[in-house]
Amino acid sequence: MNEDTRNPPPEQPVAENPHQTAWGDPAPLGLAAFAFTTLLLSIANTNLLKETGAIVPVLGTAAFYGGLAQFAAGLFEFRRGNTFGATAFVSYAAFWLSYWWIVPRLAFAGDVHNALGLYLLGWGIFTAYMAVAALRVSLSVLTVFVLLALTYVFLAVGAFQTGAEPHVMTQVGGWFGIATGLVAWYASAATVINGTYGRTVLPVGPRHPGPARARASSIPPEVIDSRP
């Protein structure tokens, strides 16, 4: 054979598929679902409304927005290779779905104060170590996790107490929850607006310095740096 196998022809570049599906950023959806549901529950925990049925809209929102919508956002984060976002969104979606399932059954469960306290404390521990990871995301997302960890701690302490009226620690947890929801809503709005305008309109704060894993994106670098 006369063909020279020592110097094979250079490989031809693979043409990009023009029909390849572009994936949007699921973070604003997950943050918005988390924020709104947290706000509703936290307002009820502060006892501001003084209504016995204040929990009803919370349960519906917890099932469909905080639960299903946030779960979908988490699955898309898995698809995009974002372990932090996927873990956070899927986990808190599970929290809201479990909350939707548990609350209607409390009236028939007897004394569950200690069990609820442990339930909330467990979520506080999870949120605390997620806050450590959030140091590498943005200041706004870090603030969400720090406030949320405090929310869970106060709610857990309040749940350990007995009494017909909401304990003062539960009300304090409600106020921290309101702050958590507002910051999460801001982070969601910043991601949507900055990504849409292609520049930083709403700042979200710097990340902790250090090497970060690069991720391909069509968004300009200055916008990526501002994303939660």
C-alpha atoms as a PDB file:
ATOM      1  CA  MET A   1       0.000   0.000   0.000  1.00  0.00           C
ATOM      2  CA  ASN A   2       1.277   3.439  -0.918  1.00  0.00           C
ATOM      3  CA  GLU A   3      -0.828   5.325   1.648  1.00  0.00           C
ATOM      4  CA  ASP A   4       1.364   6.923   4.292  1.00  0.00           C
ATOM      5  CA  THR A   5      -0.114   5.922   7.645  1.00  0.00           C
ATOM      6  CA  ARG A   6       2.512   7.789   9.633  1.00  0.00           C
ATOM      7  CA  ASN A   7       0.982  11.185   8.906  1.00  0.00           C
ATOM      8  CA  PRO A   8      -2.796  10.801   8.908  1.00  0.00           C
ATOM      9  CA  PRO A   9      -4.822  13.705   7.546  1.00  0.00           C
ATOM     10  CA  PRO A  10      -5.940  16.236  10.137  1.00  0.00           C
ATOM     11  CA  GLU A  11      -9.352  15.688  11.676  1.00  0.00           C
ATOM     12  CA  GLN A  12     -12.106  17.786  10.225  1.00  0.00           C
ATOM     13  CA  PRO A  13     -13.908  20.055  12.703  1.00  0.00           C
ATOM     14  CA  VAL A  14     -17.316  18.803  13.728  1.00  0.00           C
ATOM     15  CA  ALA A  15     -20.040  21.143  12.600  1.00  0.00           C
ATOM     16  CA  GLU A  16     -22.300  22.447  15.343  1.00  0.00           C
ATOM     17  CA  ASN A  17     -25.869  21.294  15.279  1.00  0.00           C
ATOM     18  CA  PRO A  18     -27.966  24.344  14.380  1.00  0.00           C
ATOM     19  CA  HIS A  19     -30.992  22.648  15.944  1.00  0.00           C
ATOM     20  CA  GLN A  20     -29.336  22.109  19.328  1.00  0.00           C
ATOM     21  CA  THR A  21     -31.680  23.133  22.141  1.00  0.00           C
ATOM     22  CA  ALA A  22     -30.584  26.139  24.195  1.00  0.00           C
ATOM     23  CA  TRP A  23     -31.264  25.794  27.911  1.00  0.00           C
ATOM     24  CA  GLY A  24     -32.427  28.818  29.842  1.00  0.00           C
ATOM     25  CA  ASP A  25     -31.269  29.647  33.349  1.00  0.00           C
ATOM     26  CA  PRO A  26     -33.617  27.956  35.872  1.00  0.00           C
ATOM     27  CA  ALA A  27     -32.231  29.893  38.854  1.00  0.00           C
ATOM     28  CA  PRO A  28     -34.692  32.838  38.673  1.00  0.00           C
ATOM     29  CA  LEU A  29     -37.645  30.434  38.678  1.00  0.00           C
ATOM     30  CA  GLY A  30     -36.292  28.473  41.620  1.00  0.00           C
ATOM     31  CA  LEU A  31     -35.483  31.615  43.591  1.00  0.00           C
ATOM     32  CA  ALA A  32     -38.859  33.212  42.861  1.00  0.00           C
ATOM     33  CA  ALA A  33     -40.775  30.079  43.849  1.00  0.00           C
ATOM     34  CA  PHE A  34     -38.771  29.815  47.048  1.00  0.00           C
ATOM     35  CA  ALA A  35     -39.118  33.535  47.813  1.00  0.00           C
ATOM     36  CA  PHE A  36     -42.878  33.869  47.394  1.00  0.00           C
ATOM     37  CA  THR A  37     -43.724  30.692  49.304  1.00  0.00           C
ATOM     38  CA  THR A  38     -41.361  31.655  52.122  1.00  0.00           C
ATOM     39  CA  LEU A  39     -42.947  35.103  52.347  1.00  0.00           C
ATOM     40  CA  LEU A  40     -46.466  33.683  52.630  1.00  0.00           C
ATOM     41  CA  LEU A  41     -45.532  31.227  55.372  1.00  0.00           C
ATOM     42  CA  SER A  42     -43.441  33.784  57.240  1.00  0.00           C
ATOM     43  CA  ILE A  43     -46.260  36.324  57.304  1.00  0.00           C
ATOM     44  CA  ALA A  44     -48.456  33.617  58.818  1.00  0.00           C
ATOM     45  CA  ASN A  45     -45.738  32.784  61.379  1.00  0.00           C
ATOM     46  CA  THR A  46     -45.517  36.405  62.524  1.00  0.00           C
ATOM     47  CA  ASN A  47     -49.265  36.281  63.256  1.00  0.00           C
ATOM     48  CA  LEU A  48     -49.727  39.585  61.443  1.00  0.00           C
ATOM     49  CA  LEU A  49     -52.925  38.565  59.680  1.00  0.00           C
ATOM     50  CA  LYS A  50     -54.744  37.235  62.775  1.00  0.00           C
ATOM     51  CA  GLU A  51     -56.744  34.899  60.539  1.00  0.00           C
ATOM     52  CA  THR A  52     -57.343  31.227  61.293  1.00  0.00           C
ATOM     53  CA  GLY A  53     -57.328  30.393  57.572  1.00  0.00           C
ATOM     54  CA  ALA A  54     -54.056  32.183  56.762  1.00  0.00           C
ATOM     55  CA  ILE A  55     -52.350  28.831  56.209  1.00  0.00           C
ATOM     56  CA  VAL A  56     -54.658  27.829  53.330  1.00  0.00           C
ATOM     57  CA  PRO A  57     -52.984  29.891  50.558  1.00  0.00           C
ATOM     58  CA  VAL A  58     -49.607  28.852  51.965  1.00  0.00           C
ATOM     59  CA  LEU A  59     -50.404  25.174  51.411  1.00  0.00           C
ATOM     60  CA  GLY A  60     -51.527  25.677  47.816  1.00  0.00           C
ATOM     61  CA  THR A  61     -48.465  27.746  46.987  1.00  0.00           C
ATOM     62  CA  ALA A  62     -46.193  25.267  48.788  1.00  0.00           C
ATOM     63  CA  ALA A  63     -47.472  22.397  46.659  1.00  0.00           C
ATOM     64  CA  PHE A  64     -47.368  23.982  43.221  1.00  0.00           C
ATOM     65  CA  TYR A  65     -44.941  26.912  43.266  1.00  0.00           C
ATOM     66  CA  GLY A  66     -42.546  26.206  46.104  1.00  0.00           C
ATOM     67  CA  GLY A  67     -42.810  22.469  45.448  1.00  0.00           C
ATOM     68  CA  LEU A  68     -43.337  21.509  41.811  1.00  0.00           C
ATOM     69  CA  ALA A  69     -41.951  24.642  40.116  1.00  0.00           C
ATOM     70  CA  GLN A  70     -38.846  24.690  42.303  1.00  0.00           C
ATOM     71  CA  PHE A  71     -38.361  20.947  41.780  1.00  0.00           C
ATOM     72  CA  ALA A  72     -38.390  21.503  38.012  1.00  0.00           C
ATOM     73  CA  ALA A  73     -35.810  24.280  38.406  1.00  0.00           C
ATOM     74  CA  GLY A  74     -33.601  21.899  40.359  1.00  0.00           C
ATOM     75  CA  LEU A  75     -33.796  19.223  37.682  1.00  0.00           C
ATOM     76  CA  PHE A  76     -32.744  21.730  35.024  1.00  0.00           C
ATOM     77  CA  GLU A  77     -29.832  22.778  37.232  1.00  0.00           C
ATOM     78  CA  PHE A  78     -28.723  19.127  37.266  1.00  0.00           C
ATOM     79  CA  ARG A  79     -28.915  19.175  33.469  1.00  0.00           C
ATOM     80  CA  ARG A  80     -26.720  22.279  33.361  1.00  0.00           C
ATOM     81  CA  GLY A  81     -24.153  20.740  35.704  1.00  0.00           C
ATOM     82  CA  ASN A  82     -24.831  23.118  38.607  1.00  0.00           C
ATOM     83  CA  THR A  83     -24.567  20.892  41.686  1.00  0.00           C
ATOM     84  CA  PHE A  84     -25.166  23.720  44.155  1.00  0.00           C
ATOM     85  CA  GLY A  85     -28.319  25.011  42.464  1.00  0.00           C
ATOM     86  CA  ALA A  86     -29.692  21.525  41.878  1.00  0.00           C
ATOM     87  CA  THR A  87     -29.133  20.463  45.487  1.00  0.00           C
ATOM     88  CA  ALA A  88     -30.687  23.640  46.858  1.00  0.00           C
ATOM     89  CA  PHE A  89     -33.760  23.773  44.627  1.00  0.00           C
ATOM     90  CA  VAL A  90     -34.635  20.071  44.784  1.00  0.00           C
ATOM     91  CA  SER A  91     -34.111  19.973  48.547  1.00  0.00           C
ATOM     92  CA  TYR A  92     -36.259  23.012  49.306  1.00  0.00           C
ATOM     93  CA  ALA A  93     -38.881  21.789  46.862  1.00  0.00           C
ATOM     94  CA  ALA A  94     -38.976  18.613  48.942  1.00  0.00           C
ATOM     95  CA  PHE A  95     -39.301  20.757  52.069  1.00  0.00           C
ATOM     96  CA  TRP A  96     -42.337  22.562  50.696  1.00  0.00           C
ATOM     97  CA  LEU A  97     -43.966  19.373  49.476  1.00  0.00           C
ATOM     98  CA  SER A  98     -43.399  17.735  52.854  1.00  0.00           C
ATOM     99  CA  TYR A  99     -44.795  20.836  54.579  1.00  0.00           C
ATOM    100  CA  TRP A 100     -47.886  20.690  52.359  1.00  0.00           C
ATOM    101  CA  TRP A 101     -48.315  17.043  53.363  1.00  0.00           C
ATOM    102  CA  ILE A 102     -47.638  17.418  57.096  1.00  0.00           C
ATOM    103  CA  VAL A 103     -49.603  20.511  58.131  1.00  0.00           C
ATOM    104  CA  PRO A 104     -53.165  19.262  57.407  1.00  0.00           C
ATOM    105  CA  ARG A 105     -52.407  16.160  59.508  1.00  0.00           C
ATOM    106  CA  LEU A 106     -51.180  18.024  62.575  1.00  0.00           C
ATOM    107  CA  ALA A 107     -54.712  18.400  63.920  1.00  0.00           C
ATOM    108  CA  PHE A 108     -54.973  14.608  64.224  1.00  0.00           C
ATOM    109  CA  ALA A 109     -51.421  13.895  65.373  1.00  0.00           C
ATOM    110  CA  GLY A 110     -51.559  14.882  69.046  1.00  0.00           C
ATOM    111  CA  ASP A 111     -48.406  16.317  70.624  1.00  0.00           C
ATOM    112  CA  VAL A 112     -45.804  16.768  67.880  1.00  0.00           C
ATOM    113  CA  HIS A 113     -43.843  19.754  69.197  1.00  0.00           C
ATOM    114  CA  ASN A 114     -40.571  17.878  69.642  1.00  0.00           C
ATOM    115  CA  ALA A 115     -40.912  16.095  66.305  1.00  0.00           C
ATOM    116  CA  LEU A 116     -41.545  19.381  64.489  1.00  0.00           C
ATOM    117  CA  GLY A 117     -38.630  20.973  66.298  1.00  0.00           C
ATOM    118  CA  LEU A 118     -36.276  18.233  65.120  1.00  0.00           C
ATOM    119  CA  TYR A 119     -37.718  18.477  61.602  1.00  0.00           C
ATOM    120  CA  LEU A 120     -36.996  22.208  61.433  1.00  0.00           C
ATOM    121  CA  LEU A 121     -33.610  21.852  63.109  1.00  0.00           C
ATOM    122  CA  GLY A 122     -32.557  19.329  60.474  1.00  0.00           C
ATOM    123  CA  TRP A 123     -33.408  21.797  57.744  1.00  0.00           C
ATOM    124  CA  GLY A 124     -31.439  24.443  59.615  1.00  0.00           C
ATOM    125  CA  ILE A 125     -28.334  22.233  59.624  1.00  0.00           C
ATOM    126  CA  PHE A 126     -28.697  21.563  55.897  1.00  0.00           C
ATOM    127  CA  THR A 127     -29.093  25.279  55.216  1.00  0.00           C
ATOM    128  CA  ALA A 128     -26.022  26.108  57.319  1.00  0.00           C
ATOM    129  CA  TYR A 129     -23.655  23.992  55.239  1.00  0.00           C
ATOM    130  CA  MET A 130     -25.263  25.231  52.033  1.00  0.00           C
ATOM    131  CA  ALA A 131     -24.454  28.741  53.272  1.00  0.00           C
ATOM    132  CA  VAL A 132     -20.772  27.781  53.349  1.00  0.00           C
ATOM    133  CA  ALA A 133     -20.998  26.740  49.693  1.00  0.00           C
ATOM    134  CA  ALA A 134     -22.899  29.951  48.901  1.00  0.00           C
ATOM    135  CA  LEU A 135     -19.726  31.906  49.673  1.00  0.00           C
ATOM    136  CA  ARG A 136     -18.675  31.000  46.125  1.00  0.00           C
ATOM    137  CA  VAL A 137     -21.938  32.124  44.513  1.00  0.00           C
ATOM    138  CA  SER A 138     -22.814  35.740  45.311  1.00  0.00           C
ATOM    139  CA  LEU A 139     -23.428  38.004  48.279  1.00  0.00           C
ATOM    140  CA  SER A 140     -27.184  38.015  47.707  1.00  0.00           C
ATOM    141  CA  VAL A 141     -27.432  34.212  47.634  1.00  0.00           C
ATOM    142  CA  LEU A 142     -25.164  33.956  50.685  1.00  0.00           C
ATOM    143  CA  THR A 143     -27.464  36.381  52.506  1.00  0.00           C
ATOM    144  CA  VAL A 144     -30.469  34.236  51.605  1.00  0.00           C
ATOM    145  CA  PHE A 145     -28.902  31.135  53.129  1.00  0.00           C
ATOM    146  CA  VAL A 146     -27.677  32.871  56.290  1.00  0.00           C
ATOM    147  CA  LEU A 147     -31.103  34.410  56.919  1.00  0.00           C
ATOM    148  CA  LEU A 148     -32.812  31.116  56.123  1.00  0.00           C
ATOM    149  CA  ALA A 149     -30.596  29.213  58.561  1.00  0.00           C
ATOM    150  CA  LEU A 150     -31.561  31.681  61.296  1.00  0.00           C
ATOM    151  CA  THR A 151     -35.202  31.328  60.287  1.00  0.00           C
ATOM    152  CA  TYR A 152     -35.089  27.568  60.744  1.00  0.00           C
ATOM    153  CA  VAL A 153     -33.295  27.861  64.097  1.00  0.00           C
ATOM    154  CA  PHE A 154     -35.878  30.254  65.542  1.00  0.00           C
ATOM    155  CA  LEU A 155     -38.767  28.210  64.148  1.00  0.00           C
ATOM    156  CA  ALA A 156     -37.252  25.055  65.639  1.00  0.00           C
ATOM    157  CA  VAL A 157     -36.923  26.674  69.073  1.00  0.00           C
ATOM    158  CA  GLY A 158     -40.501  27.891  68.818  1.00  0.00           C
ATOM    159  CA  ALA A 159     -41.726  24.447  67.783  1.00  0.00           C
ATOM    160  CA  PHE A 160     -40.138  22.858  70.858  1.00  0.00           C
ATOM    161  CA  GLN A 161     -42.359  25.063  73.013  1.00  0.00           C
ATOM    162  CA  THR A 162     -45.960  24.225  73.863  1.00  0.00           C
ATOM    163  CA  GLY A 163     -49.006  26.447  73.833  1.00  0.00           C
ATOM    164  CA  ALA A 164     -51.982  27.353  71.682  1.00  0.00           C
ATOM    165  CA  GLU A 165     -50.603  30.729  70.572  1.00  0.00           C
ATOM    166  CA  PRO A 166     -47.504  31.032  68.372  1.00  0.00           C
ATOM    167  CA  HIS A 167     -44.392  31.220  70.533  1.00  0.00           C
ATOM    168  CA  VAL A 168     -42.378  34.432  70.382  1.00  0.00           C
ATOM    169  CA  MET A 169     -39.487  32.493  68.809  1.00  0.00           C
ATOM    170  CA  THR A 170     -41.815  31.374  66.017  1.00  0.00           C
ATOM    171  CA  GLN A 171     -42.737  34.998  65.401  1.00  0.00           C
ATOM    172  CA  VAL A 172     -39.071  36.006  65.343  1.00  0.00           C
ATOM    173  CA  GLY A 173     -38.469  33.206  62.851  1.00  0.00           C
ATOM    174  CA  GLY A 174     -41.317  34.618  60.797  1.00  0.00           C
ATOM    175  CA  TRP A 175     -39.625  38.006  60.583  1.00  0.00           C
ATOM    176  CA  PHE A 176     -36.350  36.410  59.547  1.00  0.00           C
ATOM    177  CA  GLY A 177     -38.331  34.438  56.967  1.00  0.00           C
ATOM    178  CA  ILE A 178     -39.802  37.638  55.538  1.00  0.00           C
ATOM    179  CA  ALA A 179     -36.290  39.054  55.162  1.00  0.00           C
ATOM    180  CA  THR A 180     -35.180  35.787  53.539  1.00  0.00           C
ATOM    181  CA  GLY A 181     -38.006  35.879  51.019  1.00  0.00           C
ATOM    182  CA  LEU A 182     -37.371  39.509  50.086  1.00  0.00           C
ATOM    183  CA  VAL A 183     -33.654  38.931  49.469  1.00  0.00           C
ATOM    184  CA  ALA A 184     -34.406  35.781  47.445  1.00  0.00           C
ATOM    185  CA  TRP A 185     -36.908  37.738  45.355  1.00  0.00           C
ATOM    186  CA  TYR A 186     -34.252  40.382  44.725  1.00  0.00           C
ATOM    187  CA  ALA A 187     -31.756  37.713  43.641  1.00  0.00           C
ATOM    188  CA  SER A 188     -34.343  36.268  41.258  1.00  0.00           C
ATOM    189  CA  ALA A 189     -35.131  39.698  39.806  1.00  0.00           C
ATOM    190  CA  ALA A 190     -31.426  40.480  39.409  1.00  0.00           C
ATOM    191  CA  THR A 191     -30.797  37.261  37.485  1.00  0.00           C
ATOM    192  CA  VAL A 192     -33.712  37.881  35.107  1.00  0.00           C
ATOM    193  CA  ILE A 193     -33.034  41.574  34.544  1.00  0.00           C
ATOM    194  CA  ASN A 194     -29.245  41.292  34.242  1.00  0.00           C
ATOM    195  CA  GLY A 195     -29.530  38.370  31.844  1.00  0.00           C
ATOM    196  CA  THR A 196     -32.161  40.124  29.735  1.00  0.00           C
ATOM    197  CA  TYR A 197     -30.247  43.395  29.461  1.00  0.00           C
ATOM    198  CA  GLY A 198     -26.869  41.690  29.005  1.00  0.00           C
ATOM    199  CA  ARG A 199     -25.272  43.796  31.732  1.00  0.00           C
ATOM    200  CA  THR A 200     -25.421  44.352  35.464  1.00  0.00           C
ATOM    201  CA  VAL A 201     -28.521  46.370  36.307  1.00  0.00           C
ATOM    202  CA  LEU A 202     -29.149  45.004  39.802  1.00  0.00           C
ATOM    203  CA  PRO A 203     -25.893  44.103  41.582  1.00  0.00           C
ATOM    204  CA  VAL A 204     -25.845  40.899  43.615  1.00  0.00           C
ATOM    205  CA  GLY A 205     -22.489  41.365  45.322  1.00  0.00           C
ATOM    206  CA  PRO A 206     -19.086  39.785  44.793  1.00  0.00           C
ATOM    207  CA  ARG A 207     -18.208  36.148  45.194  1.00  0.00           C
ATOM    208  CA  HIS A 208     -15.541  34.786  47.519  1.00  0.00           C
ATOM    209  CA  PRO A 209     -12.217  35.001  45.638  1.00  0.00           C
ATOM    210  CA  GLY A 210     -10.681  31.839  44.296  1.00  0.00           C
ATOM    211  CA  PRO A 211     -10.624  29.640  41.206  1.00  0.00           C
ATOM    212  CA  ALA A 212     -14.111  28.863  39.982  1.00  0.00           C
ATOM    213  CA  ARG A 213     -15.287  26.206  37.570  1.00  0.00           C
ATOM    214  CA  ALA A 214     -15.895  27.757  34.177  1.00  0.00           C
ATOM    215  CA  ARG A 215     -19.252  27.143  32.556  1.00  0.00           C
ATOM    216  CA  ALA A 216     -20.073  27.800  28.939  1.00  0.00           C
ATOM    217  CA  SER A 217     -22.687  30.464  28.468  1.00  0.00           C
ATOM    218  CA  SER A 218     -23.874  32.930  25.888  1.00  0.00           C
ATOM    219  CA  ILE A 219     -24.217  35.591  28.585  1.00  0.00           C
ATOM    220  CA  PRO A 220     -21.414  38.172  28.681  1.00  0.00           C
ATOM    221  CA  PRO A 221     -18.779  37.675  31.433  1.00  0.00           C
ATOM    222  CA  GLU A 222     -19.815  40.769  33.371  1.00  0.00           C
ATOM    223  CA  VAL A 223     -23.341  39.370  33.645  1.00  0.00           C
ATOM    224  CA  ILE A 224     -22.127  35.909  34.661  1.00  0.00           C
ATOM    225  CA  ASP A 225     -20.174  37.492  37.500  1.00  0.00           C
ATOM    226  CA  SER A 226     -23.355  39.146  38.758  1.00  0.00           C
ATOM    227  CA  ARG A 227     -25.557  36.092  38.618  1.00  0.00           C
ATOM    228  CA  PRO A 228     -26.548  34.336  41.846  1.00  0.00           C
END
